[in-house]
C-alpha cells in the first residue's frame, strides 16, 4: 500500500512541477489537452457515459459525446490550475482578475444580516475557486474538502487550496466540528453533489441517490442561510462565479421532514445547473446505485 501511495505521489508531484513551471494559461491548456486524450480511455469514462444517459435520457448520443469531451477538458484544466490557485487569489479584485463575480452585492448585504452562512456548490467549472467570492464578500469561511488517500498529495492539495481559503476541514463526518465553526461565526463552503458516506436516498436528476443532508440540518437548527454558489468556466482560465438567493426556508420546521424539504430544494438547484449545461458537471462519480 505504501509503495502504491509513493508511486502515485511521485507521479502527482512530477505533473504538478510541470504545470507550475508553465504560465497559468499554458498549464491549463496542456491539462485540458491531456485529459481530452486520456479521459475517454479510462473506466471512469464509461461510468460518466452511463450516468449521462441515466440522468438525461432525452439527449442524443452526439450531445453526450460532446458534453463528456468538454467535461474531460474542464477536469484536466482544473487539475493543472490547482498549483496556480495563488495566482487567481493574487489577481482577485484587480483589473486583470480572471474571475467575474455575479451577485457580490447580494452577498455583501447578506453579510450585514448574518454573521455566518452555508455556501453550497457542485463539481462544476473550477470548483476550487468557489470560496473566493464568499471571502471577497466579507465572510470568514471554512472549506469542507475530501482528503486524498495519499498523504503527500493531500499535503500539496491543502497547501494549494490555502491560497484561496486558509481554513480547511476534512469531511470525515464530524458534525460537532461543523457546529463549532458556525458558533464561532465562521461560514461553511461545501460541495454537495457527490454521494456521501451516509445519507438518505432522495431523488437527484430523476433517480434516487444517497444524498448529503448536513447543510439542511445545520441551517434549520442554527438559523443560518444556505446560499448556492455556481462556478462556470467562460473561456480558458476566465470564470464567472454566481451567488444565488438563499434557499427559502420560510416556515420549514426543524425535523426530518424539514430537512428532506430543504435538501430536495438544494438538489433542484444543482439539477437546474446540470441540465442547463451538462458539460460543466463532473459525471465520473458513481452517483447512483448500479
Foldseek 3Di string as FASTA:
>chain_A
DVVVLVVVLVVLVVLQVVLLVDPLLVLLQVLLVVQLVCVCVDPLVVLLLVLCCVLCVVDDPVVSVVLQSLLSSQVRSLSSCLQVLLVLLVCPPPPPHQEAEACLVVLLVLVVVALEAEEEEAQFRNVLQQCQSNVVSPAQAEEEDAADPNVSVSVSNLVSSCSRHVHYDYPPPPVVVVVVCVVVSHYYYYYWQAADPAAAFDDASHGTFGGDLSNQLVCQVPVHFYWYWYWHDDDRSHIYIYIDPTQDLPPQHNDDVSSNVSRVVVSVVNNVVCVVRVSRHNSSHNGHDD
